[in-house]
Amino acid sequence: MKQINNPDSSVEQVNNLYSSVGSLVSLMEHVDTLYKLAEQVEYSDSSVEHVESLSSLKFEEEIVIQRL
């Protein structure tokens, strides 16, 4: 078993580790937020495509009505 010569150094190492873990948790929260934003953008893209297809159908409907 290794004897600790400098307990202050060990406390500092534990504090650094604790700080690093806190930073990692914060980073993971930011990554989670980015994934959620990406999902919203993907949903928005599909909504835009849906609206565009509806607009296209409406335009085609108007052309058919004009021909009648």
N, C-alpha and C. Protein backbone atom coordinates (compact mmCIF):
# COMPACT_ATOMS: atom_id res chain seq x y z
N MET A 1 0.84 -1.17 0.00
CA MET A 1 0.00 0.00 0.00
C MET A 1 0.89 1.24 0.00
N LYS A 2 0.55 2.18 -0.87
CA LYS A 2 1.36 3.38 -1.00
C LYS A 2 0.97 4.39 0.07
N GLN A 3 1.98 4.93 0.69
CA GLN A 3 1.74 5.94 1.72
C GLN A 3 1.66 7.31 1.07
N ILE A 4 0.69 8.09 1.49
CA ILE A 4 0.51 9.43 0.94
C ILE A 4 1.41 10.39 1.70
N ASN A 5 2.39 10.95 0.97
CA ASN A 5 3.33 11.88 1.59
C ASN A 5 2.75 13.28 1.71
N ASN A 6 1.95 13.64 0.72
CA ASN A 6 1.43 15.00 0.70
C ASN A 6 -0.09 14.95 0.57
N PRO A 7 -0.81 14.96 1.69
CA PRO A 7 -2.27 14.86 1.62
C PRO A 7 -2.91 16.03 0.88
N ASP A 8 -2.29 17.21 0.93
CA ASP A 8 -2.85 18.36 0.21
C ASP A 8 -2.88 18.11 -1.29
N SER A 9 -1.84 17.44 -1.80
CA SER A 9 -1.77 17.11 -3.21
C SER A 9 -2.90 16.16 -3.59
N SER A 10 -3.18 15.18 -2.73
CA SER A 10 -4.26 14.23 -3.00
C SER A 10 -5.61 14.93 -3.01
N VAL A 11 -5.80 15.84 -2.07
CA VAL A 11 -7.06 16.61 -2.02
C VAL A 11 -7.20 17.43 -3.29
N GLU A 12 -6.09 18.02 -3.74
CA GLU A 12 -6.12 18.82 -4.96
C GLU A 12 -6.46 17.94 -6.17
N GLN A 13 -5.88 16.73 -6.21
CA GLN A 13 -6.18 15.81 -7.31
C GLN A 13 -7.65 15.41 -7.31
N VAL A 14 -8.20 15.15 -6.13
CA VAL A 14 -9.62 14.80 -6.04
C VAL A 14 -10.48 15.99 -6.50
N ASN A 15 -10.11 17.18 -6.07
CA ASN A 15 -10.86 18.37 -6.50
C ASN A 15 -10.78 18.56 -8.01
N ASN A 16 -9.59 18.33 -8.59
CA ASN A 16 -9.44 18.43 -10.04
C ASN A 16 -10.30 17.39 -10.75
N LEU A 17 -10.31 16.19 -10.20
CA LEU A 17 -11.13 15.12 -10.79
C LEU A 17 -12.60 15.50 -10.72
N TYR A 18 -13.03 16.00 -9.57
CA TYR A 18 -14.42 16.41 -9.38
C TYR A 18 -14.78 17.51 -10.38
N SER A 19 -13.88 18.46 -10.56
CA SER A 19 -14.10 19.55 -11.51
C SER A 19 -14.19 19.01 -12.94
N SER A 20 -13.31 18.05 -13.27
CA SER A 20 -13.32 17.46 -14.61
C SER A 20 -14.62 16.71 -14.87
N VAL A 21 -15.09 15.98 -13.86
CA VAL A 21 -16.36 15.26 -14.01
C VAL A 21 -17.50 16.25 -14.21
N GLY A 22 -17.48 17.35 -13.46
CA GLY A 22 -18.50 18.39 -13.63
C GLY A 22 -18.48 18.97 -15.03
N SER A 23 -17.28 19.20 -15.56
CA SER A 23 -17.15 19.71 -16.93
C SER A 23 -17.68 18.70 -17.94
N LEU A 24 -17.38 17.43 -17.71
CA LEU A 24 -17.86 16.38 -18.61
C LEU A 24 -19.38 16.30 -18.60
N VAL A 25 -19.98 16.39 -17.42
CA VAL A 25 -21.44 16.36 -17.32
C VAL A 25 -22.04 17.56 -18.05
N SER A 26 -21.44 18.73 -17.88
CA SER A 26 -21.91 19.93 -18.57
C SER A 26 -21.81 19.75 -20.08
N LEU A 27 -20.70 19.20 -20.54
CA LEU A 27 -20.51 18.95 -21.97
C LEU A 27 -21.57 17.99 -22.50
N MET A 28 -21.85 16.94 -21.73
CA MET A 28 -22.86 15.97 -22.15
C MET A 28 -24.24 16.62 -22.24
N GLU A 29 -24.54 17.54 -21.33
CA GLU A 29 -25.81 18.26 -21.39
C GLU A 29 -25.89 19.12 -22.65
N HIS A 30 -24.78 19.75 -23.01
CA HIS A 30 -24.75 20.56 -24.24
C HIS A 30 -24.94 19.67 -25.47
N VAL A 31 -24.30 18.51 -25.48
CA VAL A 31 -24.46 17.58 -26.60
C VAL A 31 -25.91 17.13 -26.71
N ASP A 32 -26.54 16.84 -25.57
CA ASP A 32 -27.94 16.44 -25.57
C ASP A 32 -28.81 17.56 -26.14
N THR A 33 -28.52 18.79 -25.76
CA THR A 33 -29.27 19.94 -26.29
C THR A 33 -29.08 20.04 -27.80
N LEU A 34 -27.86 19.83 -28.27
CA LEU A 34 -27.60 19.88 -29.72
C LEU A 34 -28.37 18.80 -30.46
N TYR A 35 -28.42 17.59 -29.90
CA TYR A 35 -29.20 16.52 -30.53
C TYR A 35 -30.68 16.89 -30.60
N LYS A 36 -31.20 17.48 -29.53
CA LYS A 36 -32.61 17.89 -29.52
C LYS A 36 -32.86 18.96 -30.58
N LEU A 37 -31.94 19.91 -30.70
CA LEU A 37 -32.08 20.95 -31.73
C LEU A 37 -32.01 20.34 -33.13
N ALA A 38 -31.12 19.38 -33.31
CA ALA A 38 -31.00 18.72 -34.61
C ALA A 38 -32.29 17.99 -34.97
N GLU A 39 -32.91 17.35 -33.98
CA GLU A 39 -34.18 16.67 -34.23
C GLU A 39 -35.25 17.67 -34.63
N GLN A 40 -35.26 18.84 -33.99
CA GLN A 40 -36.25 19.86 -34.35
C GLN A 40 -36.01 20.38 -35.76
N VAL A 41 -34.75 20.55 -36.12
CA VAL A 41 -34.43 21.01 -37.48
C VAL A 41 -34.87 19.96 -38.48
N GLU A 42 -34.61 18.69 -38.18
CA GLU A 42 -35.03 17.61 -39.07
C GLU A 42 -36.55 17.61 -39.21
N TYR A 43 -37.25 17.79 -38.10
CA TYR A 43 -38.71 17.86 -38.13
C TYR A 43 -39.17 19.06 -38.94
N SER A 44 -38.49 20.19 -38.76
CA SER A 44 -38.84 21.40 -39.51
C SER A 44 -38.62 21.18 -41.00
N ASP A 45 -37.52 20.52 -41.35
CA ASP A 45 -37.26 20.24 -42.76
C ASP A 45 -38.37 19.40 -43.37
N SER A 46 -38.82 18.37 -42.64
CA SER A 46 -39.88 17.53 -43.18
C SER A 46 -41.19 18.32 -43.25
N SER A 47 -41.41 19.24 -42.30
CA SER A 47 -42.61 20.08 -42.34
C SER A 47 -42.57 21.01 -43.56
N VAL A 48 -41.39 21.57 -43.83
CA VAL A 48 -41.24 22.44 -45.00
C VAL A 48 -41.51 21.65 -46.27
N GLU A 49 -40.97 20.44 -46.36
CA GLU A 49 -41.22 19.60 -47.53
C GLU A 49 -42.71 19.29 -47.67
N HIS A 50 -43.37 19.04 -46.55
CA HIS A 50 -44.80 18.75 -46.57
C HIS A 50 -45.58 19.96 -47.08
N VAL A 51 -45.24 21.14 -46.58
CA VAL A 51 -45.91 22.37 -47.01
C VAL A 51 -45.64 22.61 -48.49
N GLU A 52 -44.40 22.37 -48.93
CA GLU A 52 -44.07 22.55 -50.34
C GLU A 52 -44.87 21.59 -51.22
N SER A 53 -45.03 20.35 -50.77
CA SER A 53 -45.80 19.39 -51.56
C SER A 53 -47.27 19.79 -51.59
N LEU A 54 -47.79 20.31 -50.46
CA LEU A 54 -49.17 20.78 -50.44
C LEU A 54 -49.35 21.98 -51.37
N SER A 55 -48.37 22.88 -51.38
CA SER A 55 -48.42 24.04 -52.27
C SER A 55 -48.41 23.58 -53.72
N SER A 56 -47.61 22.59 -54.01
CA SER A 56 -47.53 22.05 -55.36
C SER A 56 -48.87 21.45 -55.77
N LEU A 57 -49.48 20.70 -54.86
CA LEU A 57 -50.79 20.11 -55.15
C LEU A 57 -51.84 21.20 -55.38
N LYS A 58 -51.79 22.24 -54.56
CA LYS A 58 -52.74 23.35 -54.70
C LYS A 58 -52.55 24.02 -56.05
N PHE A 59 -51.31 24.21 -56.48
CA PHE A 59 -51.01 24.82 -57.77
C PHE A 59 -51.55 23.94 -58.90
N GLU A 60 -51.33 22.63 -58.80
CA GLU A 60 -51.83 21.70 -59.82
C GLU A 60 -53.36 21.72 -59.84
N GLU A 61 -53.97 21.81 -58.68
CA GLU A 61 -55.44 21.87 -58.60
C GLU A 61 -55.96 23.11 -59.31
N GLU A 62 -55.29 24.24 -59.13
CA GLU A 62 -55.71 25.48 -59.79
C GLU A 62 -55.59 25.36 -61.30
N ILE A 63 -54.55 24.71 -61.78
CA ILE A 63 -54.36 24.52 -63.22
C ILE A 63 -55.50 23.67 -63.79
N VAL A 64 -55.85 22.60 -63.09
CA VAL A 64 -56.93 21.72 -63.54
C VAL A 64 -58.25 22.49 -63.58
N ILE A 65 -58.50 23.30 -62.55
CA ILE A 65 -59.74 24.08 -62.49
C ILE A 65 -59.79 25.09 -63.65
N GLN A 66 -58.65 25.70 -63.97
CA GLN A 66 -58.61 26.67 -65.08
C GLN A 66 -58.91 25.98 -66.40
N ARG A 67 -58.46 24.76 -66.56
CA ARG A 67 -58.68 24.03 -67.81
C ARG A 67 -60.15 23.67 -67.98
N LEU A 68 -60.83 23.48 -66.86
CA LEU A 68 -62.26 23.12 -66.93
C LEU A 68 -63.04 24.35 -67.33
